[in-house]
Amino acid sequence: MFLLDDLVLAPAKFVLWVTRQVHDAAKEELNGERQRLTAELGHLHAMLESGRLGEDEFDARERILLDRLDALDQQLADAAGSGNGGRAAR
């Protein structure tokens, strides 16, 4: 009986496993991008402090990086929200 249940449910279990793997890989990629942007912000601050970058140029490039970080954080929040059935936590 249990063998028959396992055989019937195997395709669904496989699809669920693949879905989880894809979700985890995408989340890991987003986290890697977040770390890269944070490191780039640190480098930008170092360039400002060393005088290799002017205040106006720094502000423009920082704004772009911070906007990208905000968008990435929103994507991560959306991915976390979809992990619990697509329902937002109350």
C-alpha atoms as a PDB file:
ATOM      1  CA  MET A   1       0.000   0.000   0.000  1.00  0.00           C
ATOM      2  CA  PHE A   2       2.731   2.487   0.963  1.00  0.00           C
ATOM      3  CA  LEU A   3       4.719   1.589  -2.141  1.00  0.00           C
ATOM      4  CA  LEU A   4       1.710   2.366  -4.291  1.00  0.00           C
ATOM      5  CA  ASP A   5       1.225   5.716  -2.508  1.00  0.00           C
ATOM      6  CA  ASP A   6       4.873   6.581  -3.089  1.00  0.00           C
ATOM      7  CA  LEU A   7       4.590   5.720  -6.784  1.00  0.00           C
ATOM      8  CA  VAL A   8       1.448   7.802  -7.234  1.00  0.00           C
ATOM      9  CA  LEU A   9       2.819  10.800  -5.338  1.00  0.00           C
ATOM     10  CA  ALA A  10       6.354  10.691  -6.799  1.00  0.00           C
ATOM     11  CA  PRO A  11       5.681  13.101  -9.706  1.00  0.00           C
ATOM     12  CA  ALA A  12       4.096  15.689  -7.404  1.00  0.00           C
ATOM     13  CA  LYS A  13       6.940  15.353  -4.891  1.00  0.00           C
ATOM     14  CA  PHE A  14       9.462  15.808  -7.706  1.00  0.00           C
ATOM     15  CA  VAL A  15       7.740  18.949  -8.986  1.00  0.00           C
ATOM     16  CA  LEU A  16       7.655  20.347  -5.442  1.00  0.00           C
ATOM     17  CA  TRP A  17      11.359  19.554  -4.969  1.00  0.00           C
ATOM     18  CA  VAL A  18      12.295  21.237  -8.287  1.00  0.00           C
ATOM     19  CA  THR A  19      10.214  24.287  -7.401  1.00  0.00           C
ATOM     20  CA  ARG A  20      11.986  24.613  -4.055  1.00  0.00           C
ATOM     21  CA  GLN A  21      15.396  24.274  -5.714  1.00  0.00           C
ATOM     22  CA  VAL A  22      14.599  27.002  -8.252  1.00  0.00           C
ATOM     23  CA  HIS A  23      13.238  29.283  -5.514  1.00  0.00           C
ATOM     24  CA  ASP A  24      16.331  28.765  -3.345  1.00  0.00           C
ATOM     25  CA  ALA A  25      18.664  29.413  -6.304  1.00  0.00           C
ATOM     26  CA  ALA A  26      16.852  32.626  -7.200  1.00  0.00           C
ATOM     27  CA  LYS A  27      16.920  33.811  -3.604  1.00  0.00           C
ATOM     28  CA  GLU A  28      20.643  33.048  -3.364  1.00  0.00           C
ATOM     29  CA  GLU A  29      21.265  35.013  -6.564  1.00  0.00           C
ATOM     30  CA  LEU A  30      19.355  38.024  -5.203  1.00  0.00           C
ATOM     31  CA  ASN A  31      21.337  37.884  -1.967  1.00  0.00           C
ATOM     32  CA  GLY A  32      24.589  37.762  -3.965  1.00  0.00           C
ATOM     33  CA  GLU A  33      23.496  40.810  -5.948  1.00  0.00           C
ATOM     34  CA  ARG A  34      22.680  42.611  -2.701  1.00  0.00           C
ATOM     35  CA  GLN A  35      26.170  41.900  -1.362  1.00  0.00           C
ATOM     36  CA  ARG A  36      27.734  43.128  -4.619  1.00  0.00           C
ATOM     37  CA  LEU A  37      25.758  46.388  -4.497  1.00  0.00           C
ATOM     38  CA  THR A  38      26.670  46.928  -0.848  1.00  0.00           C
ATOM     39  CA  ALA A  39      30.356  46.400  -1.661  1.00  0.00           C
ATOM     40  CA  GLU A  40      30.045  48.839  -4.554  1.00  0.00           C
ATOM     41  CA  LEU A  41      28.564  51.428  -2.188  1.00  0.00           C
ATOM     42  CA  GLY A  42      31.530  50.958   0.152  1.00  0.00           C
ATOM     43  CA  HIS A  43      33.930  51.453  -2.751  1.00  0.00           C
ATOM     44  CA  LEU A  44      32.030  54.577  -3.767  1.00  0.00           C
ATOM     45  CA  HIS A  45      32.389  56.014  -0.257  1.00  0.00           C
ATOM     46  CA  ALA A  46      36.118  55.236  -0.290  1.00  0.00           C
ATOM     47  CA  MET A  47      36.496  57.065  -3.607  1.00  0.00           C
ATOM     48  CA  LEU A  48      34.693  60.102  -2.159  1.00  0.00           C
ATOM     49  CA  GLU A  49      36.862  60.149   0.945  1.00  0.00           C
ATOM     50  CA  SER A  50      40.057  59.840  -1.087  1.00  0.00           C
ATOM     51  CA  GLY A  51      39.050  62.726  -3.334  1.00  0.00           C
ATOM     52  CA  ARG A  52      38.899  60.638  -6.514  1.00  0.00           C
ATOM     53  CA  LEU A  53      35.192  61.407  -6.796  1.00  0.00           C
ATOM     54  CA  GLY A  54      33.368  64.714  -6.480  1.00  0.00           C
ATOM     55  CA  GLU A  55      30.317  65.236  -4.288  1.00  0.00           C
ATOM     56  CA  ASP A  56      27.904  65.633  -7.229  1.00  0.00           C
ATOM     57  CA  GLU A  57      29.157  62.501  -8.989  1.00  0.00           C
ATOM     58  CA  PHE A  58      29.030  60.602  -5.685  1.00  0.00           C
ATOM     59  CA  ASP A  59      25.436  61.663  -5.036  1.00  0.00           C
ATOM     60  CA  ALA A  60      24.308  60.627  -8.522  1.00  0.00           C
ATOM     61  CA  ARG A  61      25.989  57.220  -8.390  1.00  0.00           C
ATOM     62  CA  GLU A  62      24.897  56.611  -4.796  1.00  0.00           C
ATOM     63  CA  ARG A  63      21.276  57.384  -5.681  1.00  0.00           C
ATOM     64  CA  ILE A  64      21.386  54.818  -8.496  1.00  0.00           C
ATOM     65  CA  LEU A  65      22.865  52.146  -6.225  1.00  0.00           C
ATOM     66  CA  LEU A  66      20.409  52.851  -3.423  1.00  0.00           C
ATOM     67  CA  ASP A  67      17.481  52.662  -5.854  1.00  0.00           C
ATOM     68  CA  ARG A  68      18.751  49.297  -7.070  1.00  0.00           C
ATOM     69  CA  LEU A  69      19.120  48.107  -3.474  1.00  0.00           C
ATOM     70  CA  ASP A  70      15.567  49.206  -2.677  1.00  0.00           C
ATOM     71  CA  ALA A  71      14.234  47.331  -5.700  1.00  0.00           C
ATOM     72  CA  LEU A  72      16.235  44.262  -4.715  1.00  0.00           C
ATOM     73  CA  ASP A  73      14.943  44.411  -1.148  1.00  0.00           C
ATOM     74  CA  GLN A  74      11.409  44.574  -2.534  1.00  0.00           C
ATOM     75  CA  GLN A  75      12.073  41.505  -4.676  1.00  0.00           C
ATOM     76  CA  LEU A  76      13.442  39.648  -1.646  1.00  0.00           C
ATOM     77  CA  ALA A  77      10.405  40.652   0.404  1.00  0.00           C
ATOM     78  CA  ASP A  78       8.079  39.490  -2.380  1.00  0.00           C
ATOM     79  CA  ALA A  79       9.948  36.176  -2.593  1.00  0.00           C
ATOM     80  CA  ALA A  80       9.662  35.723   1.172  1.00  0.00           C
ATOM     81  CA  GLY A  81       5.954  36.510   0.991  1.00  0.00           C
ATOM     82  CA  SER A  82       5.407  33.922  -1.732  1.00  0.00           C
ATOM     83  CA  GLY A  83       7.055  31.322   0.480  1.00  0.00           C
ATOM     84  CA  ASN A  84       4.043  31.275   2.810  1.00  0.00           C
ATOM     85  CA  GLY A  85       1.319  30.694   0.264  1.00  0.00           C
ATOM     86  CA  GLY A  86       1.423  34.202  -1.181  1.00  0.00           C
ATOM     87  CA  ARG A  87      -0.254  35.617   1.913  1.00  0.00           C
ATOM     88  CA  ALA A  88       1.233  38.579   3.693  1.00  0.00           C
ATOM     89  CA  ALA A  89       2.037  38.146   7.363  1.00  0.00           C
ATOM     90  CA  ARG A  90      -0.329  39.963   9.701  1.00  0.00           C
END
